[in-house]
Amino acid sequence: MVVEVRREVRPAWAFRLPRGSGFDGVMRRRGAVLERVVHVEDEPVVVRAAQPAADRVVLGARAASPDAGEEAIARMRFALGVDDDLREFYDVFRDDPLIGASVRMRPHLRPARRPEPFEVLVWAICEQLIEYERAAAIQRAILRRFGRCAPGWDGRGVLRDAPSAAVLAAAAPAELEALGLSAGRAVAMVRVAREVASGRVDLRAADHERGWARLRAIRGIGAWTIEVLALHGQGRHDQLPAGDLAYLKLVGRALRAGDRRARATEDDVRAYFAPYAGWAGLAGLHALGPMASGGGAALRFAAAA
């Protein structure tokens, strides 16, 4: 039996539904509707989101039970950021000399997130220090080999969800290497999956820092990976992926009088965004300007435009 759950949401702040689908193929757009499958306790739930008016977002879920449908909708609300109230950020920084113009022009801008933080963590490992196009190809290969599938809302086509921690924990690193990951990243991904699958790391726990510390103990998991997880998987607006090439370029040029070849250090980036404490991740997207809505190589989890 399949039940349908429908919820109408009034956004807490200026909001626009993302325009496109991700390069990994997990989310797809049909007309004005976004659609993806979310797994709740291994139960596939197909979720759709539409924005028929500026002040109204409609979410629907098809699931085996009402509880699973409600949980999937809650996760999609988090992923879209529809309940995020950014008024404080707007009031404080709308006249800021660096980002004020972007804040006023795009009050709806927010970091794109995923319904499942483990998905963000795994994809971040794929994207360490390589071109985004290559990383996206590896992600799609992982989806085909280890991902979970479900029919689309209307029964047409197949929706793919990222693999569970349990599935990747049981994988051999060589299997991931065969899909394009380097040997070190393949080992790191399996070790991360084992930490999450065993419950030693709870990515949904309120104490994020405890999980971060345990993940950082794994070789190959550095500050950038944790900061991507925090911003795009755990809703931490205060976390900025300082090692991202886009920020190293942006701050390098700012510190070196527009030298287009200049590169800052991660410490330079953190110092540059220190005035935005509590909101550094969101401020960074505004500082990048048009790049923040283009989903370029610097922004793996492209923000809603």
C-alpha atoms as a PDB file:
ATOM      1  CA  MET A   1       0.000   0.000   0.000  1.00  0.00           C
ATOM      2  CA  VAL A   2       1.206   3.477  -0.861  1.00  0.00           C
ATOM      3  CA  VAL A   3      -0.027   6.575   0.960  1.00  0.00           C
ATOM      4  CA  GLU A   4       0.363  10.178  -0.094  1.00  0.00           C
ATOM      5  CA  VAL A   5       1.261  12.933   2.327  1.00  0.00           C
ATOM      6  CA  ARG A   6       0.989  16.572   1.311  1.00  0.00           C
ATOM      7  CA  ARG A   7       2.149  19.670   3.165  1.00  0.00           C
ATOM      8  CA  GLU A   8       1.916  23.335   2.251  1.00  0.00           C
ATOM      9  CA  VAL A   9       4.672  25.477   3.740  1.00  0.00           C
ATOM     10  CA  ARG A  10       4.975  29.229   4.113  1.00  0.00           C
ATOM     11  CA  PRO A  11       8.704  30.027   3.794  1.00  0.00           C
ATOM     12  CA  ALA A  12      10.178  31.692   6.859  1.00  0.00           C
ATOM     13  CA  TRP A  13      12.120  34.103   4.628  1.00  0.00           C
ATOM     14  CA  ALA A  14      12.486  35.029   0.964  1.00  0.00           C
ATOM     15  CA  PHE A  15      12.735  31.762  -0.938  1.00  0.00           C
ATOM     16  CA  ARG A  16      13.112  30.393  -4.447  1.00  0.00           C
ATOM     17  CA  LEU A  17      12.939  26.739  -5.344  1.00  0.00           C
ATOM     18  CA  PRO A  18      16.224  25.640  -6.969  1.00  0.00           C
ATOM     19  CA  ARG A  19      16.032  25.816 -10.737  1.00  0.00           C
ATOM     20  CA  GLY A  20      18.105  22.840 -11.756  1.00  0.00           C
ATOM     21  CA  SER A  21      18.975  19.259 -11.054  1.00  0.00           C
ATOM     22  CA  GLY A  22      22.285  18.173  -9.607  1.00  0.00           C
ATOM     23  CA  PHE A  23      25.006  16.789 -11.861  1.00  0.00           C
ATOM     24  CA  ASP A  24      24.945  13.543  -9.888  1.00  0.00           C
ATOM     25  CA  GLY A  25      21.413  12.813 -11.097  1.00  0.00           C
ATOM     26  CA  VAL A  26      19.858  12.312  -7.648  1.00  0.00           C
ATOM     27  CA  MET A  27      17.474  15.238  -7.970  1.00  0.00           C
ATOM     28  CA  ARG A  28      15.493  15.734 -11.152  1.00  0.00           C
ATOM     29  CA  ARG A  29      13.271  18.543 -12.304  1.00  0.00           C
ATOM     30  CA  ARG A  30      10.148  18.101 -14.379  1.00  0.00           C
ATOM     31  CA  GLY A  31       8.666  21.407 -15.363  1.00  0.00           C
ATOM     32  CA  ALA A  32       8.287  23.394 -12.156  1.00  0.00           C
ATOM     33  CA  VAL A  33       8.560  20.349  -9.871  1.00  0.00           C
ATOM     34  CA  LEU A  34      11.626  18.934  -8.140  1.00  0.00           C
ATOM     35  CA  GLU A  35      11.584  15.222  -7.407  1.00  0.00           C
ATOM     36  CA  ARG A  36      13.887  12.772  -5.648  1.00  0.00           C
ATOM     37  CA  VAL A  37      13.773   9.618  -3.562  1.00  0.00           C
ATOM     38  CA  VAL A  38      14.639   9.743   0.137  1.00  0.00           C
ATOM     39  CA  HIS A  39      15.182   6.622   2.214  1.00  0.00           C
ATOM     40  CA  VAL A  40      13.692   6.522   5.699  1.00  0.00           C
ATOM     41  CA  GLU A  41      14.895   3.452   7.599  1.00  0.00           C
ATOM     42  CA  ASP A  42      15.639   1.804   4.231  1.00  0.00           C
ATOM     43  CA  GLU A  43      12.101   2.564   3.041  1.00  0.00           C
ATOM     44  CA  PRO A  44      12.072   4.509  -0.261  1.00  0.00           C
ATOM     45  CA  VAL A  45       9.915   7.618  -0.247  1.00  0.00           C
ATOM     46  CA  VAL A  46       9.429   9.702  -3.387  1.00  0.00           C
ATOM     47  CA  VAL A  47       9.243  13.405  -2.539  1.00  0.00           C
ATOM     48  CA  ARG A  48       8.184  16.274  -4.776  1.00  0.00           C
ATOM     49  CA  ALA A  49       8.431  20.032  -4.223  1.00  0.00           C
ATOM     50  CA  ALA A  50       6.842  22.915  -6.129  1.00  0.00           C
ATOM     51  CA  GLN A  51       6.507  26.645  -5.523  1.00  0.00           C
ATOM     52  CA  PRO A  52       3.218  27.871  -6.982  1.00  0.00           C
ATOM     53  CA  ALA A  53       3.650  31.306  -5.367  1.00  0.00           C
ATOM     54  CA  ALA A  54       6.463  33.287  -3.781  1.00  0.00           C
ATOM     55  CA  ASP A  55       5.041  32.711  -0.312  1.00  0.00           C
ATOM     56  CA  ARG A  56       4.005  29.086  -0.736  1.00  0.00           C
ATOM     57  CA  VAL A  57       5.876  25.809  -1.214  1.00  0.00           C
ATOM     58  CA  VAL A  58       4.006  22.539  -1.651  1.00  0.00           C
ATOM     59  CA  LEU A  59       5.660  19.245  -0.769  1.00  0.00           C
ATOM     60  CA  GLY A  60       4.265  15.798  -1.350  1.00  0.00           C
ATOM     61  CA  ALA A  61       5.491  12.316  -0.496  1.00  0.00           C
ATOM     62  CA  ARG A  62       4.533   8.816  -1.583  1.00  0.00           C
ATOM     63  CA  ALA A  63       5.472   6.275   1.048  1.00  0.00           C
ATOM     64  CA  ALA A  64       4.503   2.981   2.606  1.00  0.00           C
ATOM     65  CA  SER A  65       3.344   4.760   5.760  1.00  0.00           C
ATOM     66  CA  PRO A  66       2.291   8.277   6.807  1.00  0.00           C
ATOM     67  CA  ASP A  67       5.180   8.486   9.286  1.00  0.00           C
ATOM     68  CA  ALA A  68       7.746   7.738   6.584  1.00  0.00           C
ATOM     69  CA  GLY A  69       6.129  10.333   4.345  1.00  0.00           C
ATOM     70  CA  GLU A  70       6.226  12.983   7.058  1.00  0.00           C
ATOM     71  CA  GLU A  71       9.877  12.241   7.819  1.00  0.00           C
ATOM     72  CA  ALA A  72      10.859  12.445   4.159  1.00  0.00           C
ATOM     73  CA  ILE A  73       9.072  15.786   3.806  1.00  0.00           C
ATOM     74  CA  ALA A  74      10.854  17.070   6.917  1.00  0.00           C
ATOM     75  CA  ARG A  75      14.196  16.094   5.417  1.00  0.00           C
ATOM     76  CA  MET A  76      13.353  17.784   2.127  1.00  0.00           C
ATOM     77  CA  ARG A  77      12.311  20.942   3.965  1.00  0.00           C
ATOM     78  CA  PHE A  78      15.739  20.940   5.588  1.00  0.00           C
ATOM     79  CA  ALA A  79      17.471  20.313   2.258  1.00  0.00           C
ATOM     80  CA  LEU A  80      15.661  23.194   0.584  1.00  0.00           C
ATOM     81  CA  GLY A  81      16.113  25.506   3.573  1.00  0.00           C
ATOM     82  CA  VAL A  82      12.501  26.595   3.298  1.00  0.00           C
ATOM     83  CA  ASP A  83      12.205  27.017   7.081  1.00  0.00           C
ATOM     84  CA  ASP A  84      15.424  29.008   7.467  1.00  0.00           C
ATOM     85  CA  ASP A  85      14.774  32.512   8.764  1.00  0.00           C
ATOM     86  CA  LEU A  86      17.593  34.665   7.400  1.00  0.00           C
ATOM     87  CA  ARG A  87      16.227  38.003   8.578  1.00  0.00           C
ATOM     88  CA  GLU A  88      18.981  38.473  11.145  1.00  0.00           C
ATOM     89  CA  PHE A  89      21.633  37.935   8.491  1.00  0.00           C
ATOM     90  CA  TYR A  90      19.859  40.345   6.141  1.00  0.00           C
ATOM     91  CA  ASP A  91      19.474  43.071   8.775  1.00  0.00           C
ATOM     92  CA  VAL A  92      23.106  42.874   9.873  1.00  0.00           C
ATOM     93  CA  PHE A  93      24.798  42.606   6.475  1.00  0.00           C
ATOM     94  CA  ARG A  94      22.536  44.292   3.920  1.00  0.00           C
ATOM     95  CA  ASP A  95      24.817  47.369   3.941  1.00  0.00           C
ATOM     96  CA  ASP A  96      28.079  45.463   4.255  1.00  0.00           C
ATOM     97  CA  PRO A  97      30.708  46.827   1.825  1.00  0.00           C
ATOM     98  CA  LEU A  98      31.651  43.362   0.559  1.00  0.00           C
ATOM     99  CA  ILE A  99      28.387  41.440   0.387  1.00  0.00           C
ATOM    100  CA  GLY A 100      25.682  44.038   0.981  1.00  0.00           C
ATOM    101  CA  ALA A 101      24.748  44.448  -2.684  1.00  0.00           C
ATOM    102  CA  SER A 102      24.320  40.684  -3.100  1.00  0.00           C
ATOM    103  CA  VAL A 103      22.347  40.400   0.142  1.00  0.00           C
ATOM    104  CA  ARG A 104      19.912  43.080  -1.016  1.00  0.00           C
ATOM    105  CA  MET A 105      19.641  41.672  -4.539  1.00  0.00           C
ATOM    106  CA  ARG A 106      19.391  38.008  -3.539  1.00  0.00           C
ATOM    107  CA  PRO A 107      17.892  37.737  -0.052  1.00  0.00           C
ATOM    108  CA  HIS A 108      16.717  34.232  -1.008  1.00  0.00           C
ATOM    109  CA  LEU A 109      20.267  32.892  -1.501  1.00  0.00           C
ATOM    110  CA  ARG A 110      21.082  30.021   0.827  1.00  0.00           C
ATOM    111  CA  PRO A 111      23.431  27.008   0.770  1.00  0.00           C
ATOM    112  CA  ALA A 112      21.899  24.022  -0.981  1.00  0.00           C
ATOM    113  CA  ARG A 113      21.683  21.021   1.296  1.00  0.00           C
ATOM    114  CA  ARG A 114      20.904  17.334   1.053  1.00  0.00           C
ATOM    115  CA  PRO A 115      18.230  15.388   2.962  1.00  0.00           C
ATOM    116  CA  GLU A 116      20.884  13.008   4.311  1.00  0.00           C
ATOM    117  CA  PRO A 117      24.184  14.341   5.735  1.00  0.00           C
ATOM    118  CA  PHE A 118      25.989  11.111   4.899  1.00  0.00           C
ATOM    119  CA  GLU A 119      25.292  11.810   1.230  1.00  0.00           C
ATOM    120  CA  VAL A 120      27.111  15.136   1.551  1.00  0.00           C
ATOM    121  CA  LEU A 121      30.051  13.512   3.311  1.00  0.00           C
ATOM    122  CA  VAL A 122      30.481  10.794   0.683  1.00  0.00           C
ATOM    123  CA  TRP A 123      30.195  13.255  -2.201  1.00  0.00           C
ATOM    124  CA  ALA A 124      32.710  15.594  -0.532  1.00  0.00           C
ATOM    125  CA  ILE A 125      35.237  12.759  -0.416  1.00  0.00           C
ATOM    126  CA  CYS A 126      34.684  12.225  -4.143  1.00  0.00           C
ATOM    127  CA  GLU A 127      35.381  15.896  -4.801  1.00  0.00           C
ATOM    128  CA  GLN A 128      38.605  16.365  -2.871  1.00  0.00           C
ATOM    129  CA  LEU A 129      41.219  18.084  -5.015  1.00  0.00           C
ATOM    130  CA  ILE A 130      39.836  17.056  -8.410  1.00  0.00           C
ATOM    131  CA  GLU A 131      37.837  18.760 -11.147  1.00  0.00           C
ATOM    132  CA  TYR A 132      34.116  18.777 -10.515  1.00  0.00           C
ATOM    133  CA  GLU A 133      33.247  17.117 -13.835  1.00  0.00           C
ATOM    134  CA  ARG A 134      35.453  14.171 -12.940  1.00  0.00           C
ATOM    135  CA  ALA A 135      34.012  14.020  -9.427  1.00  0.00           C
ATOM    136  CA  ALA A 136      30.449  14.058 -10.770  1.00  0.00           C
ATOM    137  CA  ALA A 137      31.276  11.146 -13.073  1.00  0.00           C
ATOM    138  CA  ILE A 138      32.558   9.176 -10.070  1.00  0.00           C
ATOM    139  CA  GLN A 139      29.414  10.034  -8.104  1.00  0.00           C
ATOM    140  CA  ARG A 140      27.200   8.780 -10.906  1.00  0.00           C
ATOM    141  CA  ALA A 141      29.235   5.585 -11.092  1.00  0.00           C
ATOM    142  CA  ILE A 142      28.810   5.077  -7.334  1.00  0.00           C
ATOM    143  CA  LEU A 143      25.071   5.591  -7.717  1.00  0.00           C
ATOM    144  CA  ARG A 144      24.876   2.953 -10.429  1.00  0.00           C
ATOM    145  CA  ARG A 145      26.966   0.453  -8.495  1.00  0.00           C
ATOM    146  CA  PHE A 146      25.902   1.018  -4.880  1.00  0.00           C
ATOM    147  CA  GLY A 147      22.919   3.387  -4.954  1.00  0.00           C
ATOM    148  CA  ARG A 148      19.307   2.639  -4.148  1.00  0.00           C
ATOM    149  CA  CYS A 149      16.500   2.920  -6.712  1.00  0.00           C
ATOM    150  CA  ALA A 150      12.781   3.638  -6.751  1.00  0.00           C
ATOM    151  CA  PRO A 151      10.205   4.367  -9.481  1.00  0.00           C
ATOM    152  CA  GLY A 152       9.393   8.008 -10.084  1.00  0.00           C
ATOM    153  CA  TRP A 153       6.240   9.629  -8.718  1.00  0.00           C
ATOM    154  CA  ASP A 154       4.169   8.727 -11.769  1.00  0.00           C
ATOM    155  CA  GLY A 155       5.907   5.407 -12.318  1.00  0.00           C
ATOM    156  CA  ARG A 156       8.002   6.771 -15.164  1.00  0.00           C
ATOM    157  CA  GLY A 157      11.737   6.342 -14.997  1.00  0.00           C
ATOM    158  CA  VAL A 158      13.920   5.436 -12.049  1.00  0.00           C
ATOM    159  CA  LEU A 159      15.082   7.702  -9.233  1.00  0.00           C
ATOM    160  CA  ARG A 160      18.435   6.950  -7.642  1.00  0.00           C
ATOM    161  CA  ASP A 161      19.429   7.703  -4.070  1.00  0.00           C
ATOM    162  CA  ALA A 162      22.937   7.739  -2.651  1.00  0.00           C
ATOM    163  CA  PRO A 163      24.115   4.485  -1.051  1.00  0.00           C
ATOM    164  CA  SER A 164      23.580   3.912   2.640  1.00  0.00           C
ATOM    165  CA  ALA A 165      26.441   3.894   5.114  1.00  0.00           C
ATOM    166  CA  ALA A 166      25.893   0.163   5.668  1.00  0.00           C
ATOM    167  CA  VAL A 167      26.330  -0.626   1.968  1.00  0.00           C
ATOM    168  CA  LEU A 168      29.536   1.384   1.609  1.00  0.00           C
ATOM    169  CA  ALA A 169      30.860   0.027   4.909  1.00  0.00           C
ATOM    170  CA  ALA A 170      30.687  -3.458   3.413  1.00  0.00           C
ATOM    171  CA  ALA A 171      32.371  -2.453   0.157  1.00  0.00           C
ATOM    172  CA  ALA A 172      35.994  -3.221  -0.626  1.00  0.00           C
ATOM    173  CA  PRO A 173      38.121  -0.128  -1.356  1.00  0.00           C
ATOM    174  CA  ALA A 174      39.157  -1.783  -4.626  1.00  0.00           C
ATOM    175  CA  GLU A 175      35.528  -1.664  -5.794  1.00  0.00           C
ATOM    176  CA  LEU A 176      35.503   2.107  -5.299  1.00  0.00           C
ATOM    177  CA  GLU A 177      38.884   2.483  -6.959  1.00  0.00           C
ATOM    178  CA  ALA A 178      37.452   0.731 -10.000  1.00  0.00           C
ATOM    179  CA  LEU A 179      34.869   3.541 -10.200  1.00  0.00           C
ATOM    180  CA  GLY A 180      37.556   6.238 -10.365  1.00  0.00           C
ATOM    181  CA  LEU A 181      38.400   7.078  -6.751  1.00  0.00           C
ATOM    182  CA  SER A 182      42.040   7.217  -5.765  1.00  0.00           C
ATOM    183  CA  ALA A 183      43.224   4.475  -3.414  1.00  0.00           C
ATOM    184  CA  GLY A 184      43.429   6.840  -0.439  1.00  0.00           C
ATOM    185  CA  ARG A 185      39.966   8.274  -0.946  1.00  0.00           C
ATOM    186  CA  ALA A 186      38.470   4.825  -1.440  1.00  0.00           C
ATOM    187  CA  VAL A 187      39.883   3.694   1.903  1.00  0.00           C
ATOM    188  CA  ALA A 188      38.715   6.920   3.579  1.00  0.00           C
ATOM    189  CA  MET A 189      35.180   6.487   2.218  1.00  0.00           C
ATOM    190  CA  VAL A 190      34.901   2.935   3.536  1.00  0.00           C
ATOM    191  CA  ARG A 191      36.259   3.951   6.939  1.00  0.00           C
ATOM    192  CA  VAL A 192      33.858   6.888   7.162  1.00  0.00           C
ATOM    193  CA  ALA A 193      30.966   4.614   6.214  1.00  0.00           C
ATOM    194  CA  ARG A 194      31.929   2.153   8.933  1.00  0.00           C
ATOM    195  CA  GLU A 195      31.991   4.907  11.552  1.00  0.00           C
ATOM    196  CA  VAL A 196      28.516   6.065  10.548  1.00  0.00           C
ATOM    197  CA  ALA A 197      27.014   2.590  10.028  1.00  0.00           C
ATOM    198  CA  SER A 198      28.236   1.437  13.436  1.00  0.00           C
ATOM    199  CA  GLY A 199      26.735   4.455  15.187  1.00  0.00           C
ATOM    200  CA  ARG A 200      30.100   5.663  16.437  1.00  0.00           C
ATOM    201  CA  VAL A 201      29.444   8.844  14.445  1.00  0.00           C
ATOM    202  CA  ASP A 202      25.893  10.200  14.391  1.00  0.00           C
ATOM    203  CA  LEU A 203      25.718  12.876  11.712  1.00  0.00           C
ATOM    204  CA  ARG A 204      22.282  13.978  12.924  1.00  0.00           C
ATOM    205  CA  ALA A 205      23.296  14.410  16.557  1.00  0.00           C
ATOM    206  CA  ALA A 206      23.096  17.907  18.006  1.00  0.00           C
ATOM    207  CA  ASP A 207      26.761  17.744  19.041  1.00  0.00           C
ATOM    208  CA  HIS A 208      28.294  18.085  15.596  1.00  0.00           C
ATOM    209  CA  GLU A 209      31.794  18.753  16.868  1.00  0.00           C
ATOM    210  CA  ARG A 210      32.086  15.350  18.522  1.00  0.00           C
ATOM    211  CA  GLY A 211      31.394  13.592  15.232  1.00  0.00           C
ATOM    212  CA  TRP A 212      33.731  15.920  13.355  1.00  0.00           C
ATOM    213  CA  ALA A 213      36.585  15.087  15.702  1.00  0.00           C
ATOM    214  CA  ARG A 214      36.131  11.378  15.156  1.00  0.00           C
ATOM    215  CA  LEU A 215      35.956  11.811  11.386  1.00  0.00           C
ATOM    216  CA  ARG A 216      39.060  14.013  11.368  1.00  0.00           C
ATOM    217  CA  ALA A 217      40.985  11.103  12.911  1.00  0.00           C
ATOM    218  CA  ILE A 218      40.511   9.209   9.634  1.00  0.00           C
ATOM    219  CA  ARG A 219      43.358   9.713   7.208  1.00  0.00           C
ATOM    220  CA  GLY A 220      42.132  11.666   4.198  1.00  0.00           C
ATOM    221  CA  ILE A 221      39.401  13.564   6.065  1.00  0.00           C
ATOM    222  CA  GLY A 222      40.491  17.155   6.512  1.00  0.00           C
ATOM    223  CA  ALA A 223      39.022  20.513   7.366  1.00  0.00           C
ATOM    224  CA  TRP A 224      37.492  21.136   3.918  1.00  0.00           C
ATOM    225  CA  THR A 225      35.547  17.859   3.958  1.00  0.00           C
ATOM    226  CA  ILE A 226      34.198  18.532   7.445  1.00  0.00           C
ATOM    227  CA  GLU A 227      33.251  22.108   6.570  1.00  0.00           C
ATOM    228  CA  VAL A 228      31.360  20.951   3.451  1.00  0.00           C
ATOM    229  CA  LEU A 229      29.548  18.383   5.592  1.00  0.00           C
ATOM    230  CA  ALA A 230      28.693  21.034   8.171  1.00  0.00           C
ATOM    231  CA  LEU A 231      27.436  23.674   5.742  1.00  0.00           C
ATOM    232  CA  HIS A 232      25.638  21.480   3.225  1.00  0.00           C
ATOM    233  CA  GLY A 233      24.690  18.465   5.329  1.00  0.00           C
ATOM    234  CA  GLN A 234      24.095  19.776   8.832  1.00  0.00           C
ATOM    235  CA  GLY A 235      22.787  23.296   8.271  1.00  0.00           C
ATOM    236  CA  ARG A 236      25.735  25.096   9.871  1.00  0.00           C
ATOM    237  CA  HIS A 237      25.756  28.593   8.384  1.00  0.00           C
ATOM    238  CA  ASP A 238      28.829  29.399  10.471  1.00  0.00           C
ATOM    239  CA  GLN A 239      31.034  26.908   8.617  1.00  0.00           C
ATOM    240  CA  LEU A 240      32.921  28.009   5.497  1.00  0.00           C
ATOM    241  CA  PRO A 241      34.841  25.508   3.313  1.00  0.00           C
ATOM    242  CA  ALA A 242      37.929  27.712   3.491  1.00  0.00           C
ATOM    243  CA  GLY A 243      40.090  25.396   1.402  1.00  0.00           C
ATOM    244  CA  ASP A 244      37.778  25.615  -1.601  1.00  0.00           C
ATOM    245  CA  LEU A 245      39.623  26.924  -4.637  1.00  0.00           C
ATOM    246  CA  ALA A 246      36.994  29.613  -5.224  1.00  0.00           C
ATOM    247  CA  TYR A 247      37.686  31.167  -1.819  1.00  0.00           C
ATOM    248  CA  LEU A 248      41.448  30.803  -2.148  1.00  0.00           C
ATOM    249  CA  LYS A 249      41.203  32.753  -5.423  1.00  0.00           C
ATOM    250  CA  LEU A 250      38.699  35.320  -4.157  1.00  0.00           C
ATOM    251  CA  VAL A 251      40.656  36.215  -1.038  1.00  0.00           C
ATOM    252  CA  GLY A 252      44.012  35.993  -2.802  1.00  0.00           C
ATOM    253  CA  ARG A 253      42.911  38.603  -5.328  1.00  0.00           C
ATOM    254  CA  ALA A 254      41.468  40.805  -2.593  1.00  0.00           C
ATOM    255  CA  LEU A 255      44.673  40.699  -0.563  1.00  0.00           C
ATOM    256  CA  ARG A 256      46.966  41.192  -3.549  1.00  0.00           C
ATOM    257  CA  ALA A 257      45.341  44.088  -5.343  1.00  0.00           C
ATOM    258  CA  GLY A 258      43.449  42.124  -7.969  1.00  0.00           C
ATOM    259  CA  ASP A 259      46.270  39.835  -9.037  1.00  0.00           C
ATOM    260  CA  ARG A 260      44.273  37.161 -10.862  1.00  0.00           C
ATOM    261  CA  ARG A 261      46.930  34.533 -10.211  1.00  0.00           C
ATOM    262  CA  ALA A 262      47.065  35.151  -6.468  1.00  0.00           C
ATOM    263  CA  ARG A 263      46.051  32.403  -4.058  1.00  0.00           C
ATOM    264  CA  ALA A 264      45.340  32.878  -0.368  1.00  0.00           C
ATOM    265  CA  THR A 265      45.893  30.315   2.365  1.00  0.00           C
ATOM    266  CA  GLU A 266      43.066  28.707   4.305  1.00  0.00           C
ATOM    267  CA  ASP A 267      44.031  30.840   7.298  1.00  0.00           C
ATOM    268  CA  ASP A 268      43.787  33.945   5.106  1.00  0.00           C
ATOM    269  CA  VAL A 269      40.287  32.904   4.039  1.00  0.00           C
ATOM    270  CA  ARG A 270      39.132  32.327   7.613  1.00  0.00           C
ATOM    271  CA  ALA A 271      40.533  35.676   8.721  1.00  0.00           C
ATOM    272  CA  TYR A 272      38.869  37.422   5.772  1.00  0.00           C
ATOM    273  CA  PHE A 273      35.456  36.053   6.731  1.00  0.00           C
ATOM    274  CA  ALA A 274      35.924  36.426  10.491  1.00  0.00           C
ATOM    275  CA  PRO A 275      33.680  39.546  10.556  1.00  0.00           C
ATOM    276  CA  TYR A 276      30.784  37.286   9.520  1.00  0.00           C
ATOM    277  CA  ALA A 277      31.117  34.969  12.517  1.00  0.00           C
ATOM    278  CA  GLY A 278      28.016  32.829  12.818  1.00  0.00           C
ATOM    279  CA  TRP A 279      27.201  33.342   9.142  1.00  0.00           C
ATOM    280  CA  ALA A 280      30.525  32.766   7.358  1.00  0.00           C
ATOM    281  CA  GLY A 281      29.188  29.991   5.107  1.00  0.00           C
ATOM    282  CA  LEU A 282      26.301  32.099   3.838  1.00  0.00           C
ATOM    283  CA  ALA A 283      28.453  35.220   3.591  1.00  0.00           C
ATOM    284  CA  GLY A 284      30.903  33.279   1.456  1.00  0.00           C
ATOM    285  CA  LEU A 285      28.217  32.463  -1.108  1.00  0.00           C
ATOM    286  CA  HIS A 286      27.278  36.134  -1.369  1.00  0.00           C
ATOM    287  CA  ALA A 287      30.933  37.127  -1.681  1.00  0.00           C
ATOM    288  CA  LEU A 288      31.346  34.800  -4.652  1.00  0.00           C
ATOM    289  CA  GLY A 289      28.566  36.628  -6.467  1.00  0.00           C
ATOM    290  CA  PRO A 290      27.304  34.965  -9.698  1.00  0.00           C
ATOM    291  CA  MET A 291      29.507  31.923  -9.053  1.00  0.00           C
ATOM    292  CA  ALA A 292      27.274  31.067  -6.100  1.00  0.00           C
ATOM    293  CA  SER A 293      24.292  30.404  -8.350  1.00  0.00           C
ATOM    294  CA  GLY A 294      26.150  28.836 -11.230  1.00  0.00           C
ATOM    295  CA  GLY A 295      27.223  25.619  -9.545  1.00  0.00           C
ATOM    296  CA  GLY A 296      30.772  25.990 -10.884  1.00  0.00           C
ATOM    297  CA  ALA A 297      33.740  23.919  -9.863  1.00  0.00           C
ATOM    298  CA  ALA A 298      34.034  25.777  -6.585  1.00  0.00           C
ATOM    299  CA  LEU A 299      30.503  25.112  -5.421  1.00  0.00           C
ATOM    300  CA  ARG A 300      29.800  21.414  -5.567  1.00  0.00           C
ATOM    301  CA  PHE A 301      26.443  21.814  -3.853  1.00  0.00           C
ATOM    302  CA  ALA A 302      25.181  24.736  -5.897  1.00  0.00           C
ATOM    303  CA  ALA A 303      23.066  27.245  -4.023  1.00  0.00           C
ATOM    304  CA  ALA A 304      19.498  28.010  -5.013  1.00  0.00           C
ATOM    305  CA  ALA A 305      19.509  30.795  -7.570  1.00  0.00           C
END
